[in-house]
Amino acid sequence: MKKQPTTPSRSPPYHHLVPYLATVAASLIFFAPDEAPTGKGLALKCLPIVLLGLHLKLVEGSHQGEAKWVYRALQFSVVGDAFLVWPDQFFIQGILFFAVAQILYIKAFGFREISIGLGAIPLYGLSMIALVLILPGLPAPLRVAVPIYTLIITTMLWRVVDRARLRIDLSLERRFCSLVGAVSFVISDLCIATLQVGRLIPHASAQVIILLTYYLAQLFLVLGSFESFWERMVVTPKKLGKKDKEKKEKKETKEKKKGK
C-alpha cells in the first residue's frame, strides 16, 4: 500500500509547556491566597519560571541569539521572585533583581530599529504620568527605587514595541508574543504598585491578578525569543482533491494492467 503524499504544516511543540502551565495553576491556587510567607510558597512561586527556563533551554538552547539573554533574564527573575515572597523585608532587593532582568530583556530585543516619535516619547510620557499618580502613595524608600525601575521597564516596553512594528524580518508570531509579554509585565508591575502596595483590594485577589499577568508576561517574552520553536515543521497527510483521486486511480489501474 502506497503512502499518502505529505505536506509540511507549522506546529510548534506546545506540549513542552504543560509542566509550566500546571505549576502556574498550582501557584495561583495554593500560593496566592496565603497571607503569610512560607518555604512552600517560595517553591510554588518560583517553580514555574524555573520550568520555563528549562523549556527555553530544551527547545531553543540558551547560548545564542535572543534566547541567551532571555534565559539569563529568567534566572534573575527567579531570584527576584524569591525575595518578593517576603515583600516587607526584601522588596527593594526584589526590585533590584527584576531591574537587571529587564535590562537583559532590553539586551535581547536590542536597538536595531528605533522609533522616537511613535515609540519613545509617548511611552515615557505615559510612564511619567503613572509615576505622578503612584508615587505619593508609596512608602519613602520606594520613592527612589520605583522611578528607576519604571525607567528601565519602560525602555524594555519601548524596545519591544519598536520590534513589533519595525522588525519585519522577524515572524509575526515572535513579534506578537514579545509585545503581549512586555505589556503584561507592565500591567503586572502596575498592579503591584496599586493593588498590593496600595491595598486597594484583598491580598488574595491582588496576588492572583499580579501572578497571572506576570506568568503570562514571562511566557510570551520567552515565546517571542524563540526561533526554531516557530519553524518546527510537522509532516501531516495531504488531502487529495477529486481530480487527484481520479489521477491516482487511473495510475493504479494502468500499473495493474501492466502487471498482468
Protein backbone atom coordinates (compact mmCIF):
# COMPACT_ATOMS: atom_id res chain seq x y z
CA MET A 1 0.00 0.00 0.00
CA LYS A 2 1.40 3.34 -1.08
CA LYS A 3 1.90 6.13 1.42
CA GLN A 4 -0.24 9.24 1.04
CA PRO A 5 1.51 12.41 -0.13
CA THR A 6 2.53 14.63 2.73
CA THR A 7 2.79 18.36 3.20
CA PRO A 8 4.56 20.33 5.94
CA SER A 9 2.45 22.33 8.41
CA ARG A 10 3.52 24.71 11.13
CA SER A 11 3.05 23.18 14.56
CA PRO A 12 5.32 24.38 17.40
CA PRO A 13 5.88 21.90 20.26
CA TYR A 14 3.34 23.36 22.67
CA HIS A 15 3.23 20.13 24.70
CA HIS A 16 6.54 21.13 26.29
CA LEU A 17 4.66 23.92 28.08
CA VAL A 18 2.33 21.58 30.01
CA PRO A 19 4.56 21.40 33.15
CA TYR A 20 4.86 25.19 33.18
CA LEU A 21 1.10 25.70 32.90
CA ALA A 22 0.45 23.08 35.60
CA THR A 23 2.79 24.80 38.08
CA VAL A 24 1.27 28.19 37.24
CA ALA A 25 -2.14 26.79 38.18
CA ALA A 26 -0.70 25.38 41.42
CA SER A 27 0.87 28.74 42.27
CA LEU A 28 -2.38 30.60 41.70
CA ILE A 29 -4.44 28.11 43.71
CA PHE A 30 -2.13 27.35 46.64
CA PHE A 31 0.29 30.29 46.92
CA ALA A 32 -1.77 33.36 46.00
CA PRO A 33 -4.29 33.09 48.89
CA ASP A 34 -1.55 32.78 51.56
CA GLU A 35 -1.20 35.83 53.77
CA ALA A 36 1.99 34.64 55.50
CA PRO A 37 5.17 33.85 53.50
CA THR A 38 6.42 30.26 53.74
CA GLY A 39 9.04 28.00 52.19
CA LYS A 40 6.25 26.16 50.41
CA GLY A 41 5.08 29.46 48.95
CA LEU A 42 8.62 30.17 47.78
CA ALA A 43 8.71 26.88 45.84
CA LEU A 44 5.25 27.35 44.38
CA LYS A 45 6.00 30.86 43.19
CA CYS A 46 9.45 30.21 41.70
CA LEU A 47 8.96 26.77 40.13
CA PRO A 48 7.02 27.99 37.04
CA ILE A 49 9.84 30.32 35.97
CA VAL A 50 12.45 27.63 36.61
CA LEU A 51 10.49 25.26 34.34
CA LEU A 52 10.04 27.99 31.73
CA GLY A 53 13.81 28.44 31.64
CA LEU A 54 14.27 24.68 31.20
CA HIS A 55 11.70 24.76 28.38
CA LEU A 56 13.66 27.52 26.67
CA LYS A 57 16.89 25.55 27.05
CA LEU A 58 15.32 22.32 25.80
CA VAL A 59 13.59 23.67 22.69
CA GLU A 60 15.76 26.60 21.67
CA GLY A 61 19.05 26.30 23.54
CA SER A 62 20.35 29.14 25.70
CA HIS A 63 23.74 30.01 24.26
CA GLN A 64 22.99 32.22 21.28
CA GLY A 65 20.74 34.97 19.93
CA GLU A 66 17.87 36.44 21.89
CA ALA A 67 17.36 33.19 23.80
CA LYS A 68 20.70 33.61 25.58
CA TRP A 69 19.69 36.94 27.15
CA VAL A 70 16.11 35.87 27.85
CA TYR A 71 17.40 32.77 29.69
CA ARG A 72 19.57 34.99 31.89
CA ALA A 73 16.63 37.33 32.48
CA LEU A 74 14.61 34.36 33.74
CA GLN A 75 17.39 33.43 36.16
CA PHE A 76 17.39 36.91 37.69
CA SER A 77 13.58 36.85 37.74
CA VAL A 78 13.60 33.68 39.85
CA VAL A 79 15.80 35.37 42.47
CA GLY A 80 13.56 38.46 42.36
CA ASP A 81 10.54 36.22 42.86
CA ALA A 82 12.18 34.63 45.88
CA PHE A 83 12.83 38.00 47.53
CA LEU A 84 9.28 39.18 46.86
CA VAL A 85 7.81 36.23 48.74
CA TRP A 86 8.82 38.35 51.77
CA PRO A 87 7.98 41.83 50.43
CA ASP A 88 8.07 43.56 53.82
CA GLN A 89 11.74 42.64 54.32
CA PHE A 90 13.14 42.29 50.77
CA PHE A 91 11.04 44.42 48.42
CA ILE A 92 13.99 46.62 47.36
CA GLN A 93 16.16 43.55 46.68
CA GLY A 94 13.37 42.07 44.58
CA ILE A 95 13.09 45.26 42.54
CA LEU A 96 16.87 45.25 42.02
CA PHE A 97 16.91 41.73 40.55
CA PHE A 98 13.91 42.43 38.35
CA ALA A 99 15.60 45.62 37.12
CA VAL A 100 18.56 43.50 35.99
CA ALA A 101 16.12 41.08 34.32
CA GLN A 102 14.55 43.97 32.40
CA ILE A 103 17.99 45.18 31.29
CA LEU A 104 18.67 41.67 29.96
CA TYR A 105 15.37 41.74 28.07
CA ILE A 106 16.41 45.08 26.58
CA LYS A 107 19.69 43.47 25.52
CA ALA A 108 17.79 40.56 23.97
CA PHE A 109 15.46 42.68 21.87
CA GLY A 110 18.09 45.30 21.03
CA PHE A 111 18.15 48.70 19.37
CA ARG A 112 18.25 47.63 15.73
CA GLU A 113 15.17 49.66 14.73
CA ILE A 114 14.40 52.82 16.70
CA SER A 115 11.27 54.98 16.70
CA ILE A 116 11.25 58.16 18.78
CA GLY A 117 8.06 59.99 17.81
CA LEU A 118 5.82 56.93 17.68
CA GLY A 119 7.74 54.90 20.26
CA ALA A 120 9.86 56.50 22.96
CA ILE A 121 8.06 59.83 23.52
CA PRO A 122 4.52 58.51 24.15
CA LEU A 123 5.72 55.58 26.28
CA TYR A 124 7.99 57.65 28.51
CA GLY A 125 5.27 60.29 28.72
CA LEU A 126 2.74 57.73 29.96
CA SER A 127 5.23 56.34 32.48
CA MET A 128 5.78 59.85 33.90
CA ILE A 129 2.04 60.30 34.32
CA ALA A 130 1.80 56.92 36.09
CA LEU A 131 4.65 57.89 38.43
CA VAL A 132 2.97 61.17 39.34
CA LEU A 133 -0.17 59.26 40.29
CA ILE A 134 1.54 56.38 42.11
CA LEU A 135 4.49 57.93 43.98
CA PRO A 136 2.52 59.87 46.63
CA GLY A 137 1.01 56.63 47.92
CA LEU A 138 4.30 54.72 48.17
CA PRO A 139 6.46 54.37 51.29
CA ALA A 140 9.51 56.67 51.38
CA PRO A 141 12.17 54.02 50.49
CA LEU A 142 10.30 53.13 47.31
CA ARG A 143 10.13 56.69 46.01
CA VAL A 144 13.66 56.34 44.66
CA ALA A 145 13.67 52.67 43.60
CA VAL A 146 10.33 52.74 41.77
CA PRO A 147 11.19 55.63 39.36
CA ILE A 148 14.48 53.95 38.42
CA TYR A 149 12.74 50.63 37.81
CA THR A 150 9.98 52.40 35.86
CA LEU A 151 12.56 53.98 33.56
CA ILE A 152 14.10 50.56 32.87
CA ILE A 153 10.84 48.67 32.25
CA THR A 154 9.56 51.49 30.03
CA THR A 155 12.72 51.15 27.96
CA MET A 156 12.05 47.41 27.68
CA LEU A 157 8.49 48.10 26.53
CA TRP A 158 9.75 50.69 24.01
CA ARG A 159 12.20 48.20 22.50
CA VAL A 160 9.50 45.54 22.18
CA VAL A 161 7.00 47.98 20.62
CA ASP A 162 9.59 49.08 18.04
CA ARG A 163 10.49 45.45 17.42
CA ALA A 164 6.83 44.56 16.83
CA ARG A 165 6.30 47.49 14.45
CA LEU A 166 9.58 47.67 12.56
CA ARG A 167 11.33 44.27 12.59
CA ILE A 168 9.55 42.83 9.56
CA ASP A 169 12.44 40.41 9.14
CA LEU A 170 11.06 38.52 12.15
CA SER A 171 7.97 36.32 12.06
CA LEU A 172 4.64 37.82 13.09
CA GLU A 173 4.31 35.20 15.85
CA ARG A 174 7.55 36.26 17.52
CA ARG A 175 6.78 39.97 17.37
CA PHE A 176 3.22 39.48 18.65
CA CYS A 177 4.33 37.26 21.55
CA SER A 178 7.01 39.71 22.68
CA LEU A 179 4.53 42.58 22.60
CA VAL A 180 1.94 40.69 24.65
CA GLY A 181 4.66 39.71 27.14
CA ALA A 182 6.01 43.25 27.59
CA VAL A 183 2.56 44.78 28.02
CA SER A 184 1.58 42.07 30.52
CA PHE A 185 4.78 42.71 32.51
CA VAL A 186 3.97 46.42 32.78
CA ILE A 187 0.39 45.62 33.85
CA SER A 188 1.66 43.20 36.50
CA ASP A 189 4.04 45.78 37.96
CA LEU A 190 1.34 48.46 37.94
CA CYS A 191 -0.87 46.05 39.87
CA ILE A 192 1.87 45.59 42.49
CA ALA A 193 2.17 49.36 42.93
CA THR A 194 -1.57 49.98 43.10
CA LEU A 195 -3.38 46.84 44.26
CA GLN A 196 -0.82 45.28 46.61
CA VAL A 197 1.21 48.19 48.00
CA GLY A 198 -1.84 50.47 48.00
CA ARG A 199 -4.01 47.67 49.43
CA LEU A 200 -6.94 48.62 47.20
CA ILE A 201 -8.36 45.07 47.13
CA PRO A 202 -7.93 41.97 49.33
CA HIS A 203 -4.47 40.39 49.33
CA ALA A 204 -5.53 37.10 47.70
CA SER A 205 -7.31 38.83 44.80
CA ALA A 206 -4.37 41.18 44.23
CA GLN A 207 -1.94 38.24 44.25
CA VAL A 208 -3.95 36.30 41.67
CA ILE A 209 -4.04 39.28 39.28
CA ILE A 210 -0.35 40.09 39.78
CA LEU A 211 0.85 36.50 39.36
CA LEU A 212 -1.43 35.72 36.42
CA THR A 213 -0.22 38.74 34.43
CA TYR A 214 3.38 38.08 35.50
CA TYR A 215 3.40 34.42 34.42
CA LEU A 216 1.68 35.40 31.19
CA ALA A 217 4.35 38.06 30.60
CA GLN A 218 7.27 35.70 31.10
CA LEU A 219 5.70 33.02 28.91
CA PHE A 220 5.12 35.34 25.97
CA LEU A 221 8.51 37.01 26.27
CA VAL A 222 10.09 33.56 26.05
CA LEU A 223 7.93 32.59 23.06
CA GLY A 224 8.92 35.83 21.36
CA SER A 225 12.60 34.98 21.72
CA PHE A 226 12.24 31.57 20.06
CA GLU A 227 13.44 30.96 16.53
CA SER A 228 13.33 27.19 15.97
CA PHE A 229 10.10 26.89 18.02
CA TRP A 230 8.10 28.64 15.29
CA GLU A 231 9.99 26.94 12.47
CA ARG A 232 9.28 23.36 13.58
CA MET A 233 7.71 21.52 10.68
CA VAL A 234 5.46 18.55 11.32
CA VAL A 235 4.60 16.24 8.42
CA THR A 236 0.86 15.63 8.09
CA PRO A 237 -1.16 13.73 5.46
CA LYS A 238 -2.10 15.80 2.43
CA LYS A 239 -5.78 15.79 1.49
CA LEU A 240 -6.36 14.74 -2.11
CA GLY A 241 -8.84 16.62 -4.27
CA LYS A 242 -11.31 14.94 -6.64
CA LYS A 243 -9.02 15.30 -9.68
CA ASP A 244 -6.05 14.00 -7.71
CA LYS A 245 -8.03 10.93 -6.70
CA GLU A 246 -9.09 10.23 -10.31
CA LYS A 247 -5.47 10.54 -11.49
CA LYS A 248 -4.34 8.23 -8.71
CA GLU A 249 -7.00 5.61 -9.62
CA LYS A 250 -6.08 5.73 -13.34
CA LYS A 251 -2.41 5.35 -12.48
CA GLU A 252 -3.09 2.35 -10.24
CA THR A 253 -5.32 0.77 -12.98
CA LYS A 254 -2.54 1.13 -15.57
CA GLU A 255 0.00 -0.39 -13.19
CA LYS A 256 -2.30 -3.38 -12.60
CA LYS A 257 -2.75 -3.94 -16.37
CA LYS A 258 0.99 -3.82 -16.90
CA GLY A 259 1.45 -6.32 -14.11
CA LYS A 260 -0.89 -8.75 -15.85
